[in-house]
Amino acid sequence: MLRDYYEDKKLGYLNIAGEECCGIDFSDPSLDGFRHWVKTRVSFIENKIKTGKEYIFKASCIRIQLIALLYCLRYEAVVRQIKANGFVLKREYPVRINDAGHLLKTLFSILYRELAVKFAVI
């Protein structure tokens, strides 16, 4: 919803619940009310990603973990960019170099956990 704001607006709709719209001017994403709303949505998203990752790490299949975590990483990259931009939305969220670092860190942590479990059984 945050990532697609400009595309949705161009198409003539915003995917925002009515109760969230109270008193917010959605025409200018740099206004304080809009930025506060974005900040609350980012906080909500971060909590959901954290909960999801806790669940993902309980999965027994490493392939499921990898696919789910890659999916999470993309959204985490967008969230990091939104926060770095002061909660003002951008038109695009390209993958950046430091996103690759987060990817490598995640892959190594999964492999480390998998190896630690296998060697602990021996």
PDB file of N, CA and C in Angstrom:
ATOM      1  N   MET A   1       0.824  -1.179   0.000  1.00  0.00           N
ATOM      2  CA  MET A   1       0.000   0.000   0.000  1.00  0.00           C
ATOM      3  C   MET A   1       0.875   1.251   0.000  1.00  0.00           C
ATOM      4  N   LEU A   2       1.897   1.297   0.844  1.00  0.00           N
ATOM      5  CA  LEU A   2       2.779   2.461   0.864  1.00  0.00           C
ATOM      6  C   LEU A   2       3.639   2.522  -0.391  1.00  0.00           C
ATOM      7  N   ARG A   3       4.165   1.376  -0.765  1.00  0.00           N
ATOM      8  CA  ARG A   3       5.059   1.307  -1.920  1.00  0.00           C
ATOM      9  C   ARG A   3       4.335   1.713  -3.197  1.00  0.00           C
ATOM     10  N   ASP A   4       3.053   1.419  -3.305  1.00  0.00           N
ATOM     11  CA  ASP A   4       2.283   1.656  -4.529  1.00  0.00           C
ATOM     12  C   ASP A   4       1.467   2.948  -4.494  1.00  0.00           C
ATOM     13  N   TYR A   5       1.713   3.814  -3.537  1.00  0.00           N
ATOM     14  CA  TYR A   5       0.906   5.031  -3.368  1.00  0.00           C
ATOM     15  C   TYR A   5       0.774   5.838  -4.662  1.00  0.00           C
ATOM     16  N   TYR A   6       1.899   6.134  -5.292  1.00  0.00           N
ATOM     17  CA  TYR A   6       1.859   6.984  -6.486  1.00  0.00           C
ATOM     18  C   TYR A   6       1.161   6.302  -7.655  1.00  0.00           C
ATOM     19  N   GLU A   7       1.385   5.015  -7.817  1.00  0.00           N
ATOM     20  CA  GLU A   7       0.709   4.284  -8.902  1.00  0.00           C
ATOM     21  C   GLU A   7      -0.793   4.241  -8.657  1.00  0.00           C
ATOM     22  N   ASP A   8      -1.183   3.942  -7.418  1.00  0.00           N
ATOM     23  CA  ASP A   8      -2.609   3.887  -7.086  1.00  0.00           C
ATOM     24  C   ASP A   8      -3.267   5.252  -7.269  1.00  0.00           C
ATOM     25  N   LYS A   9      -2.578   6.305  -6.842  1.00  0.00           N
ATOM     26  CA  LYS A   9      -3.137   7.653  -6.956  1.00  0.00           C
ATOM     27  C   LYS A   9      -3.345   8.017  -8.421  1.00  0.00           C
ATOM     28  N   LYS A  10      -2.391   7.639  -9.263  1.00  0.00           N
ATOM     29  CA  LYS A  10      -2.504   7.917 -10.700  1.00  0.00           C
ATOM     30  C   LYS A  10      -3.710   7.191 -11.297  1.00  0.00           C
ATOM     31  N   LEU A  11      -4.011   5.998 -10.759  1.00  0.00           N
ATOM     32  CA  LEU A  11      -5.158   5.234 -11.241  1.00  0.00           C
ATOM     33  C   LEU A  11      -6.475   5.719 -10.640  1.00  0.00           C
ATOM     34  N   GLY A  12      -6.388   6.623  -9.654  1.00  0.00           N
ATOM     35  CA  GLY A  12      -7.589   7.233  -9.106  1.00  0.00           C
ATOM     36  C   GLY A  12      -8.127   6.614  -7.837  1.00  0.00           C
ATOM     37  N   TYR A  13      -7.328   5.820  -7.130  1.00  0.00           N
ATOM     38  CA  TYR A  13      -7.814   5.262  -5.869  1.00  0.00           C
ATOM     39  C   TYR A  13      -6.661   5.096  -4.881  1.00  0.00           C
ATOM     40  N   LEU A  14      -7.025   5.069  -3.615  1.00  0.00           N
ATOM     41  CA  LEU A  14      -6.070   4.782  -2.557  1.00  0.00           C
ATOM     42  C   LEU A  14      -6.634   3.650  -1.710  1.00  0.00           C
ATOM     43  N   ASN A  15      -5.820   2.684  -1.430  1.00  0.00           N
ATOM     44  CA  ASN A  15      -6.240   1.504  -0.669  1.00  0.00           C
ATOM     45  C   ASN A  15      -6.029   1.775   0.825  1.00  0.00           C
ATOM     46  N   ILE A  16      -6.842   2.679   1.373  1.00  0.00           N
ATOM     47  CA  ILE A  16      -6.707   3.099   2.766  1.00  0.00           C
ATOM     48  C   ILE A  16      -8.077   2.989   3.434  1.00  0.00           C
ATOM     49  N   ALA A  17      -8.106   2.363   4.607  1.00  0.00           N
ATOM     50  CA  ALA A  17      -9.362   2.206   5.338  1.00  0.00           C
ATOM     51  C   ALA A  17      -9.921   3.573   5.727  1.00  0.00           C
ATOM     52  N   GLY A  18     -11.247   3.701   5.710  1.00  0.00           N
ATOM     53  CA  GLY A  18     -11.909   4.967   5.994  1.00  0.00           C
ATOM     54  C   GLY A  18     -11.552   5.557   7.340  1.00  0.00           C
ATOM     55  N   GLU A  19     -11.455   4.714   8.375  1.00  0.00           N
ATOM     56  CA  GLU A  19     -11.155   5.233   9.712  1.00  0.00           C
ATOM     57  C   GLU A  19      -9.732   5.790   9.807  1.00  0.00           C
ATOM     58  N   GLU A  20      -8.854   5.366   8.912  1.00  0.00           N
ATOM     59  CA  GLU A  20      -7.480   5.871   8.922  1.00  0.00           C
ATOM     60  C   GLU A  20      -7.378   7.224   8.226  1.00  0.00           C
ATOM     61  N   CYS A  21      -8.365   7.593   7.454  1.00  0.00           N
ATOM     62  CA  CYS A  21      -8.306   8.812   6.642  1.00  0.00           C
ATOM     63  C   CYS A  21      -8.681  10.076   7.406  1.00  0.00           C
ATOM     64  N   CYS A  22      -9.208   9.952   8.589  1.00  0.00           N
ATOM     65  CA  CYS A  22      -9.734  11.095   9.332  1.00  0.00           C
ATOM     66  C   CYS A  22      -8.728  12.236   9.443  1.00  0.00           C
ATOM     67  N   GLY A  23      -9.028  13.329   8.786  1.00  0.00           N
ATOM     68  CA  GLY A  23      -8.230  14.539   8.908  1.00  0.00           C
ATOM     69  C   GLY A  23      -6.881  14.516   8.209  1.00  0.00           C
ATOM     70  N   ILE A  24      -6.614  13.522   7.396  1.00  0.00           N
ATOM     71  CA  ILE A  24      -5.321  13.435   6.724  1.00  0.00           C
ATOM     72  C   ILE A  24      -5.483  13.883   5.277  1.00  0.00           C
ATOM     73  N   ASP A  25      -4.603  14.773   4.848  1.00  0.00           N
ATOM     74  CA  ASP A  25      -4.593  15.232   3.455  1.00  0.00           C
ATOM     75  C   ASP A  25      -3.666  14.307   2.669  1.00  0.00           C
ATOM     76  N   PHE A  26      -4.247  13.426   1.877  1.00  0.00           N
ATOM     77  CA  PHE A  26      -3.476  12.446   1.126  1.00  0.00           C
ATOM     78  C   PHE A  26      -2.984  12.984  -0.216  1.00  0.00           C
ATOM     79  N   SER A  27      -3.247  14.256  -0.492  1.00  0.00           N
ATOM     80  CA  SER A  27      -2.809  14.817  -1.769  1.00  0.00           C
ATOM     81  C   SER A  27      -1.323  15.161  -1.776  1.00  0.00           C
ATOM     82  N   ASP A  28      -0.744  15.385  -0.597  1.00  0.00           N
ATOM     83  CA  ASP A  28       0.664  15.769  -0.525  1.00  0.00           C
ATOM     84  C   ASP A  28       1.382  14.885   0.491  1.00  0.00           C
ATOM     85  N   PRO A  29       2.176  13.915   0.029  1.00  0.00           N
ATOM     86  CA  PRO A  29       2.826  12.978   0.943  1.00  0.00           C
ATOM     87  C   PRO A  29       3.908  13.580   1.820  1.00  0.00           C
ATOM     88  N   SER A  30       4.206  14.865   1.660  1.00  0.00           N
ATOM     89  CA  SER A  30       5.220  15.473   2.526  1.00  0.00           C
ATOM     90  C   SER A  30       4.593  16.198   3.724  1.00  0.00           C
ATOM     91  N   LEU A  31       3.260  16.293   3.782  1.00  0.00           N
ATOM     92  CA  LEU A  31       2.593  16.957   4.904  1.00  0.00           C
ATOM     93  C   LEU A  31       2.717  16.123   6.177  1.00  0.00           C
ATOM     94  N   ASP A  32       2.723  16.803   7.318  1.00  0.00           N
ATOM     95  CA  ASP A  32       2.956  16.129   8.604  1.00  0.00           C
ATOM     96  C   ASP A  32       1.919  15.046   8.917  1.00  0.00           C
ATOM     97  N   GLY A  33       0.653  15.313   8.657  1.00  0.00           N
ATOM     98  CA  GLY A  33      -0.391  14.316   8.934  1.00  0.00           C
ATOM     99  C   GLY A  33      -0.179  13.043   8.130  1.00  0.00           C
ATOM    100  N   PHE A  34       0.149  13.223   6.885  1.00  0.00           N
ATOM    101  CA  PHE A  34       0.407  12.075   6.010  1.00  0.00           C
ATOM    102  C   PHE A  34       1.646  11.319   6.482  1.00  0.00           C
ATOM    103  N   ARG A  35       2.705  12.062   6.808  1.00  0.00           N
ATOM    104  CA  ARG A  35       3.945  11.429   7.275  1.00  0.00           C
ATOM    105  C   ARG A  35       3.716  10.672   8.577  1.00  0.00           C
ATOM    106  N   HIS A  36       2.895  11.222   9.471  1.00  0.00           N
ATOM    107  CA  HIS A  36       2.587  10.517  10.720  1.00  0.00           C
ATOM    108  C   HIS A  36       1.842   9.219  10.411  1.00  0.00           C
ATOM    109  N   TRP A  37       0.911   9.282   9.465  1.00  0.00           N
ATOM    110  CA  TRP A  37       0.180   8.081   9.077  1.00  0.00           C
ATOM    111  C   TRP A  37       1.149   7.036   8.507  1.00  0.00           C
ATOM    112  N   VAL A  38       2.072   7.475   7.644  1.00  0.00           N
ATOM    113  CA  VAL A  38       3.068   6.563   7.071  1.00  0.00           C
ATOM    114  C   VAL A  38       3.898   5.936   8.190  1.00  0.00           C
ATOM    115  N   LYS A  39       4.282   6.729   9.175  1.00  0.00           N
ATOM    116  CA  LYS A  39       5.079   6.226  10.297  1.00  0.00           C
ATOM    117  C   LYS A  39       4.319   5.141  11.069  1.00  0.00           C
ATOM    118  N   THR A  40       3.027   5.340  11.293  1.00  0.00           N
ATOM    119  CA  THR A  40       2.246   4.312  11.993  1.00  0.00           C
ATOM    120  C   THR A  40       2.137   3.042  11.157  1.00  0.00           C
ATOM    121  N   ARG A  41       1.998   3.189   9.847  1.00  0.00           N
ATOM    122  CA  ARG A  41       1.916   2.016   8.970  1.00  0.00           C
ATOM    123  C   ARG A  41       3.247   1.270   8.943  1.00  0.00           C
ATOM    124  N   VAL A  42       4.365   2.003   8.928  1.00  0.00           N
ATOM    125  CA  VAL A  42       5.690   1.387   8.934  1.00  0.00           C
ATOM    126  C   VAL A  42       5.880   0.598  10.226  1.00  0.00           C
ATOM    127  N   SER A  43       5.471   1.178  11.344  1.00  0.00           N
ATOM    128  CA  SER A  43       5.573   0.483  12.634  1.00  0.00           C
ATOM    129  C   SER A  43       4.749  -0.803  12.613  1.00  0.00           C
ATOM    130  N   PHE A  44       3.552  -0.725  12.068  1.00  0.00           N
ATOM    131  CA  PHE A  44       2.684  -1.895  11.951  1.00  0.00           C
ATOM    132  C   PHE A  44       3.351  -2.975  11.092  1.00  0.00           C
ATOM    133  N   ILE A  45       3.907  -2.557   9.961  1.00  0.00           N
ATOM    134  CA  ILE A  45       4.570  -3.492   9.045  1.00  0.00           C
ATOM    135  C   ILE A  45       5.773  -4.148   9.719  1.00  0.00           C
ATOM    136  N   GLU A  46       6.580  -3.362  10.427  1.00  0.00           N
ATOM    137  CA  GLU A  46       7.752  -3.914  11.109  1.00  0.00           C
ATOM    138  C   GLU A  46       7.357  -4.964  12.135  1.00  0.00           C
ATOM    139  N   ASN A  47       6.285  -4.705  12.869  1.00  0.00           N
ATOM    140  CA  ASN A  47       5.806  -5.694  13.847  1.00  0.00           C
ATOM    141  C   ASN A  47       5.345  -6.977  13.167  1.00  0.00           C
ATOM    142  N   LYS A  48       4.638  -6.843  12.052  1.00  0.00           N
ATOM    143  CA  LYS A  48       4.159  -8.022  11.317  1.00  0.00           C
ATOM    144  C   LYS A  48       5.321  -8.819  10.735  1.00  0.00           C
ATOM    145  N   ILE A  49       6.327  -8.135  10.214  1.00  0.00           N
ATOM    146  CA  ILE A  49       7.495  -8.827   9.662  1.00  0.00           C
ATOM    147  C   ILE A  49       8.229  -9.569  10.772  1.00  0.00           C
ATOM    148  N   LYS A  50       8.391  -8.937  11.923  1.00  0.00           N
ATOM    149  CA  LYS A  50       9.068  -9.574  13.055  1.00  0.00           C
ATOM    150  C   LYS A  50       8.326 -10.835  13.487  1.00  0.00           C
ATOM    151  N   THR A  51       7.016 -10.734  13.617  1.00  0.00           N
ATOM    152  CA  THR A  51       6.204 -11.894  13.991  1.00  0.00           C
ATOM    153  C   THR A  51       6.306 -12.983  12.932  1.00  0.00           C
ATOM    154  N   GLY A  52       6.257 -12.573  11.672  1.00  0.00           N
ATOM    155  CA  GLY A  52       6.353 -13.537  10.581  1.00  0.00           C
ATOM    156  C   GLY A  52       7.687 -14.259  10.563  1.00  0.00           C
ATOM    157  N   LYS A  53       8.757 -13.529  10.805  1.00  0.00           N
ATOM    158  CA  LYS A  53      10.085 -14.151  10.815  1.00  0.00           C
ATOM    159  C   LYS A  53      10.218 -15.164  11.958  1.00  0.00           C
ATOM    160  N   GLU A  54       9.652 -14.846  13.115  1.00  0.00           N
ATOM    161  CA  GLU A  54       9.685 -15.793  14.229  1.00  0.00           C
ATOM    162  C   GLU A  54       8.991 -17.102  13.823  1.00  0.00           C
ATOM    163  N   TYR A  55       7.903 -16.970  13.108  1.00  0.00           N
ATOM    164  CA  TYR A  55       7.170 -18.142  12.630  1.00  0.00           C
ATOM    165  C   TYR A  55       7.970 -18.874  11.548  1.00  0.00           C
ATOM    166  N   ILE A  56       8.576 -18.120  10.637  1.00  0.00           N
ATOM    167  CA  ILE A  56       9.345 -18.709   9.538  1.00  0.00           C
ATOM    168  C   ILE A  56      10.500 -19.549  10.061  1.00  0.00           C
ATOM    169  N   PHE A  57      11.195 -19.047  11.090  1.00  0.00           N
ATOM    170  CA  PHE A  57      12.346 -19.783  11.621  1.00  0.00           C
ATOM    171  C   PHE A  57      11.947 -21.099  12.276  1.00  0.00           C
ATOM    172  N   LYS A  58      10.666 -21.279  12.545  1.00  0.00           N
ATOM    173  CA  LYS A  58      10.187 -22.541  13.116  1.00  0.00           C
ATOM    174  C   LYS A  58       9.902 -23.585  12.035  1.00  0.00           C
ATOM    175  N   ALA A  59       9.876 -23.162  10.779  1.00  0.00           N
ATOM    176  CA  ALA A  59       9.605 -24.092   9.680  1.00  0.00           C
ATOM    177  C   ALA A  59      10.736 -25.110   9.585  1.00  0.00           C
ATOM    178  N   SER A  60      10.373 -26.332   9.323  1.00  0.00           N
ATOM    179  CA  SER A  60      11.375 -27.398   9.285  1.00  0.00           C
ATOM    180  C   SER A  60      12.131 -27.456   7.955  1.00  0.00           C
ATOM    181  N   CYS A  61      11.566 -26.928   6.916  1.00  0.00           N
ATOM    182  CA  CYS A  61      12.178 -26.991   5.589  1.00  0.00           C
ATOM    183  C   CYS A  61      12.980 -25.717   5.313  1.00  0.00           C
ATOM    184  N   ILE A  62      14.250 -25.879   5.029  1.00  0.00           N
ATOM    185  CA  ILE A  62      15.118 -24.723   4.786  1.00  0.00           C
ATOM    186  C   ILE A  62      14.697 -23.965   3.528  1.00  0.00           C
ATOM    187  N   ARG A  63      14.147 -24.654   2.541  1.00  0.00           N
ATOM    188  CA  ARG A  63      13.689 -23.968   1.328  1.00  0.00           C
ATOM    189  C   ARG A  63      12.541 -23.012   1.628  1.00  0.00           C
ATOM    190  N   ILE A  64      11.638 -23.441   2.489  1.00  0.00           N
ATOM    191  CA  ILE A  64      10.524 -22.574   2.881  1.00  0.00           C
ATOM    192  C   ILE A  64      11.055 -21.357   3.622  1.00  0.00           C
ATOM    193  N   GLN A  65      12.014 -21.570   4.501  1.00  0.00           N
ATOM    194  CA  GLN A  65      12.608 -20.466   5.239  1.00  0.00           C
ATOM    195  C   GLN A  65      13.253 -19.462   4.276  1.00  0.00           C
ATOM    196  N   LEU A  66      14.027 -19.970   3.339  1.00  0.00           N
ATOM    197  CA  LEU A  66      14.718 -19.092   2.392  1.00  0.00           C
ATOM    198  C   LEU A  66      13.741 -18.267   1.557  1.00  0.00           C
ATOM    199  N   ILE A  67      12.745 -18.909   1.017  1.00  0.00           N
ATOM    200  CA  ILE A  67      11.778 -18.204   0.166  1.00  0.00           C
ATOM    201  C   ILE A  67      11.022 -17.159   0.973  1.00  0.00           C
ATOM    202  N   ALA A  68      10.566 -17.531   2.153  1.00  0.00           N
ATOM    203  CA  ALA A  68       9.810 -16.593   2.986  1.00  0.00           C
ATOM    204  C   ALA A  68      10.681 -15.425   3.433  1.00  0.00           C
ATOM    205  N   LEU A  69      11.922 -15.698   3.789  1.00  0.00           N
ATOM    206  CA  LEU A  69      12.809 -14.623   4.238  1.00  0.00           C
ATOM    207  C   LEU A  69      13.200 -13.692   3.090  1.00  0.00           C
ATOM    208  N   LEU A  70      13.359 -14.225   1.901  1.00  0.00           N
ATOM    209  CA  LEU A  70      13.624 -13.372   0.738  1.00  0.00           C
ATOM    210  C   LEU A  70      12.445 -12.433   0.494  1.00  0.00           C
ATOM    211  N   TYR A  71      11.263 -12.959   0.664  1.00  0.00           N
ATOM    212  CA  TYR A  71      10.058 -12.144   0.519  1.00  0.00           C
ATOM    213  C   TYR A  71      10.043 -11.036   1.572  1.00  0.00           C
ATOM    214  N   CYS A  72      10.372 -11.374   2.808  1.00  0.00           N
ATOM    215  CA  CYS A  72      10.437 -10.386   3.894  1.00  0.00           C
ATOM    216  C   CYS A  72      11.512  -9.338   3.621  1.00  0.00           C
ATOM    217  N   LEU A  73      12.651  -9.778   3.116  1.00  0.00           N
ATOM    218  CA  LEU A  73      13.764  -8.854   2.872  1.00  0.00           C
ATOM    219  C   LEU A  73      13.373  -7.736   1.911  1.00  0.00           C
ATOM    220  N   ARG A  74      12.581  -8.057   0.912  1.00  0.00           N
ATOM    221  CA  ARG A  74      12.172  -7.021  -0.047  1.00  0.00           C
ATOM    222  C   ARG A  74      11.342  -5.955   0.654  1.00  0.00           C
ATOM    223  N   TYR A  75      10.424  -6.376   1.505  1.00  0.00           N
ATOM    224  CA  TYR A  75       9.604  -5.408   2.223  1.00  0.00           C
ATOM    225  C   TYR A  75      10.416  -4.642   3.262  1.00  0.00           C
ATOM    226  N   GLU A  76      11.370  -5.307   3.880  1.00  0.00           N
ATOM    227  CA  GLU A  76      12.241  -4.624   4.836  1.00  0.00           C
ATOM    228  C   GLU A  76      13.077  -3.554   4.132  1.00  0.00           C
ATOM    229  N   ALA A  77      13.486  -3.829   2.912  1.00  0.00           N
ATOM    230  CA  ALA A  77      14.255  -2.847   2.139  1.00  0.00           C
ATOM    231  C   ALA A  77      13.412  -1.605   1.865  1.00  0.00           C
ATOM    232  N   VAL A  78      12.155  -1.799   1.521  1.00  0.00           N
ATOM    233  CA  VAL A  78      11.264  -0.666   1.272  1.00  0.00           C
ATOM    234  C   VAL A  78      11.045   0.118   2.568  1.00  0.00           C
ATOM    235  N   VAL A  79      10.831  -0.590   3.670  1.00  0.00           N
ATOM    236  CA  VAL A  79      10.627   0.065   4.960  1.00  0.00           C
ATOM    237  C   VAL A  79      11.858   0.888   5.351  1.00  0.00           C
ATOM    238  N   ARG A  80      13.058   0.340   5.156  1.00  0.00           N
ATOM    239  CA  ARG A  80      14.286   1.079   5.469  1.00  0.00           C
ATOM    240  C   ARG A  80      14.382   2.358   4.637  1.00  0.00           C
ATOM    241  N   GLN A  81      14.007   2.277   3.369  1.00  0.00           N
ATOM    242  CA  GLN A  81      14.075   3.457   2.508  1.00  0.00           C
ATOM    243  C   GLN A  81      13.042   4.508   2.919  1.00  0.00           C
ATOM    244  N   ILE A  82      11.854   4.061   3.311  1.00  0.00           N
ATOM    245  CA  ILE A  82      10.826   5.001   3.764  1.00  0.00           C
ATOM    246  C   ILE A  82      11.299   5.719   5.024  1.00  0.00           C
ATOM    247  N   LYS A  83      11.866   4.971   5.951  1.00  0.00           N
ATOM    248  CA  LYS A  83      12.368   5.575   7.194  1.00  0.00           C
ATOM    249  C   LYS A  83      13.518   6.537   6.901  1.00  0.00           C
ATOM    250  N   ALA A  84      14.432   6.138   6.017  1.00  0.00           N
ATOM    251  CA  ALA A  84      15.576   6.982   5.679  1.00  0.00           C
ATOM    252  C   ALA A  84      15.134   8.271   4.985  1.00  0.00           C
ATOM    253  N   ASN A  85      13.990   8.239   4.338  1.00  0.00           N
ATOM    254  CA  ASN A  85      13.465   9.403   3.633  1.00  0.00           C
ATOM    255  C   ASN A  85      12.541  10.239   4.530  1.00  0.00           C
ATOM    256  N   GLY A  86      12.604  10.016   5.836  1.00  0.00           N
ATOM    257  CA  GLY A  86      11.791  10.810   6.767  1.00  0.00           C
ATOM    258  C   GLY A  86      10.309  10.526   6.674  1.00  0.00           C
ATOM    259  N   PHE A  87       9.944   9.309   6.308  1.00  0.00           N
ATOM    260  CA  PHE A  87       8.555   8.863   6.184  1.00  0.00           C
ATOM    261  C   PHE A  87       7.805   9.611   5.086  1.00  0.00           C
ATOM    262  N   VAL A  88       8.548  10.128   4.113  1.00  0.00           N
ATOM    263  CA  VAL A  88       7.953  10.691   2.906  1.00  0.00           C
ATOM    264  C   VAL A  88       8.098   9.622   1.825  1.00  0.00           C
ATOM    265  N   LEU A  89       6.989   9.284   1.182  1.00  0.00           N
ATOM    266  CA  LEU A  89       7.010   8.222   0.184  1.00  0.00           C
ATOM    267  C   LEU A  89       7.712   8.672  -1.091  1.00  0.00           C
ATOM    268  N   LYS A  90       8.366   7.715  -1.744  1.00  0.00           N
ATOM    269  CA  LYS A  90       9.034   7.975  -3.018  1.00  0.00           C
ATOM    270  C   LYS A  90       8.260   7.261  -4.126  1.00  0.00           C
ATOM    271  N   ARG A  91       8.570   7.622  -5.343  1.00  0.00           N
ATOM    272  CA  ARG A  91       7.899   6.980  -6.482  1.00  0.00           C
ATOM    273  C   ARG A  91       8.413   5.568  -6.734  1.00  0.00           C
ATOM    274  N   GLU A  92       9.679   5.325  -6.418  1.00  0.00           N
ATOM    275  CA  GLU A  92      10.267   4.003  -6.648  1.00  0.00           C
ATOM    276  C   GLU A  92      11.144   3.627  -5.467  1.00  0.00           C
ATOM    277  N   TYR A  93      11.296   2.328  -5.273  1.00  0.00           N
ATOM    278  CA  TYR A  93      12.151   1.796  -4.208  1.00  0.00           C
ATOM    279  C   TYR A  93      13.088   0.751  -4.803  1.00  0.00           C
ATOM    280  N   PRO A  94      14.145   1.220  -5.462  1.00  0.00           N
ATOM    281  CA  PRO A  94      15.074   0.272  -6.091  1.00  0.00           C
ATOM    282  C   PRO A  94      15.885  -0.489  -5.044  1.00  0.00           C
ATOM    283  N   VAL A  95      16.336  -1.664  -5.428  1.00  0.00           N
ATOM    284  CA  VAL A  95      17.200  -2.454  -4.559  1.00  0.00           C
ATOM    285  C   VAL A  95      18.550  -1.746  -4.484  1.00  0.00           C
ATOM    286  N   ARG A  96      19.086  -1.607  -3.275  1.00  0.00           N
ATOM    287  CA  ARG A  96      20.341  -0.901  -3.072  1.00  0.00           C
ATOM    288  C   ARG A  96      21.422  -1.880  -2.637  1.00  0.00           C
ATOM    289  N   ILE A  97      22.651  -1.410  -2.624  1.00  0.00           N
ATOM    290  CA  ILE A  97      23.795  -2.248  -2.240  1.00  0.00           C
ATOM    291  C   ILE A  97      23.648  -2.789  -0.824  1.00  0.00           C
ATOM    292  N   ASN A  98      23.239  -1.933   0.130  1.00  0.00           N
ATOM    293  CA  ASN A  98      23.127  -2.428   1.501  1.00  0.00           C
ATOM    294  C   ASN A  98      22.013  -3.461   1.656  1.00  0.00           C
ATOM    295  N   ASP A  99      21.055  -3.468   0.719  1.00  0.00           N
ATOM    296  CA  ASP A  99      20.032  -4.520   0.739  1.00  0.00           C
ATOM    297  C   ASP A  99      20.670  -5.874   0.443  1.00  0.00           C
ATOM    298  N   ALA A 100      21.671  -5.885  -0.423  1.00  0.00           N
ATOM    299  CA  ALA A 100      22.399  -7.125  -0.715  1.00  0.00           C
ATOM    300  C   ALA A 100      23.132  -7.601   0.538  1.00  0.00           C
ATOM    301  N   GLY A 101      23.636  -6.661   1.329  1.00  0.00           N
ATOM    302  CA  GLY A 101      24.293  -7.021   2.591  1.00  0.00           C
ATOM    303  C   GLY A 101      23.332  -7.687   3.553  1.00  0.00           C
ATOM    304  N   HIS A 102      22.115  -7.176   3.632  1.00  0.00           N
ATOM    305  CA  HIS A 102      21.091  -7.798   4.487  1.00  0.00           C
ATOM    306  C   HIS A 102      20.748  -9.198   3.980  1.00  0.00           C
ATOM    307  N   LEU A 103      20.718  -9.346   2.670  1.00  0.00           N
ATOM    308  CA  LEU A 103      20.446 -10.651   2.077  1.00  0.00           C
ATOM    309  C   LEU A 103      21.533 -11.651   2.459  1.00  0.00           C
ATOM    310  N   LEU A 104      22.785 -11.262   2.302  1.00  0.00           N
ATOM    311  CA  LEU A 104      23.890 -12.157   2.649  1.00  0.00           C
ATOM    312  C   LEU A 104      23.882 -12.509   4.131  1.00  0.00           C
ATOM    313  N   LYS A 105      23.626 -11.532   4.965  1.00  0.00           N
ATOM    314  CA  LYS A 105      23.562 -11.763   6.406  1.00  0.00           C
ATOM    315  C   LYS A 105      22.467 -12.779   6.740  1.00  0.00           C
ATOM    316  N   THR A 106      21.319 -12.638   6.111  1.00  0.00           N
ATOM    317  CA  THR A 106      20.213 -13.564   6.355  1.00  0.00           C
ATOM    318  C   THR A 106      20.557 -14.965   5.871  1.00  0.00           C
ATOM    319  N   LEU A 107      21.137 -15.058   4.679  1.00  0.00           N
ATOM    320  CA  LEU A 107      21.494 -16.374   4.147  1.00  0.00           C
ATOM    321  C   LEU A 107      22.520 -17.071   5.034  1.00  0.00           C
ATOM    322  N   PHE A 108      23.531 -16.335   5.489  1.00  0.00           N
ATOM    323  CA  PHE A 108      24.537 -16.928   6.362  1.00  0.00           C
ATOM    324  C   PHE A 108      23.942 -17.345   7.700  1.00  0.00           C
ATOM    325  N   SER A 109      23.002 -16.565   8.231  1.00  0.00           N
ATOM    326  CA  SER A 109      22.405 -16.948   9.515  1.00  0.00           C
ATOM    327  C   SER A 109      21.581 -18.223   9.380  1.00  0.00           C
ATOM    328  N   ILE A 110      20.893 -18.381   8.255  1.00  0.00           N
ATOM    329  CA  ILE A 110      20.112 -19.611   8.031  1.00  0.00           C
ATOM    330  C   ILE A 110      21.049 -20.805   7.888  1.00  0.00           C
ATOM    331  N   LEU A 111      22.087 -20.649   7.077  1.00  0.00           N
ATOM    332  CA  LEU A 111      23.039 -21.751   6.891  1.00  0.00           C
ATOM    333  C   LEU A 111      23.736 -22.107   8.199  1.00  0.00           C
ATOM    334  N   TYR A 112      24.091 -21.109   8.984  1.00  0.00           N
ATOM    335  CA  TYR A 112      24.743 -21.347  10.265  1.00  0.00           C
ATOM    336  C   TYR A 112      23.812 -22.133  11.197  1.00  0.00           C
ATOM    337  N   ARG A 113      22.551 -21.703  11.266  1.00  0.00           N
ATOM    338  CA  ARG A 113      21.589 -22.413  12.122  1.00  0.00           C
ATOM    339  C   ARG A 113      21.400 -23.854  11.649  1.00  0.00           C
ATOM    340  N   GLU A 114      21.335 -24.029  10.341  1.00  0.00           N
ATOM    341  CA  GLU A 114      21.143 -25.380   9.785  1.00  0.00           C
ATOM    342  C   GLU A 114      22.338 -26.257  10.109  1.00  0.00           C
ATOM    343  N   LEU A 115      23.545 -25.734   9.947  1.00  0.00           N
ATOM    344  CA  LEU A 115      24.742 -26.515  10.263  1.00  0.00           C
ATOM    345  C   LEU A 115      24.854 -26.782  11.760  1.00  0.00           C
ATOM    346  N   ALA A 116      24.511 -25.808  12.561  1.00  0.00           N
ATOM    347  CA  ALA A 116      24.582 -25.976  14.014  1.00  0.00           C
ATOM    348  C   ALA A 116      23.635 -27.083  14.475  1.00  0.00           C
ATOM    349  N   VAL A 117      22.457 -27.156  13.875  1.00  0.00           N
ATOM    350  CA  VAL A 117      21.509 -28.197  14.230  1.00  0.00           C
ATOM    351  C   VAL A 117      22.022 -29.561  13.811  1.00  0.00           C
ATOM    352  N   LYS A 118      22.587 -29.667  12.613  1.00  0.00           N
ATOM    353  CA  LYS A 118      23.080 -30.957  12.126  1.00  0.00           C
ATOM    354  C   LYS A 118      24.249 -31.452  12.935  1.00  0.00           C
ATOM    355  N   PHE A 119      25.178 -30.564  13.299  1.00  0.00           N
ATOM    356  CA  PHE A 119      26.332 -30.980  14.056  1.00  0.00           C
ATOM    357  C   PHE A 119      26.000 -31.224  15.520  1.00  0.00           C
ATOM    358  N   ALA A 120      24.961 -30.597  16.015  1.00  0.00           N
ATOM    359  CA  ALA A 120      24.548 -30.800  17.402  1.00  0.00           C
ATOM    360  C   ALA A 120      23.948 -32.186  17.576  1.00  0.00           C
ATOM    361  N   VAL A 121      23.359 -32.732  16.521  1.00  0.00           N
ATOM    362  CA  VAL A 121      22.740 -34.054  16.578  1.00  0.00           C
ATOM    363  C   VAL A 121      23.795 -35.151  16.594  1.00  0.00           C
ATOM    364  N   ILE A 122      24.922 -34.906  15.957  1.00  0.00           N
ATOM    365  CA  ILE A 122      25.964 -35.938  15.838  1.00  0.00           C
ATOM    366  C   ILE A 122      26.536 -36.312  17.146  1.00  0.00           C
TER     367      ILE A 122
END
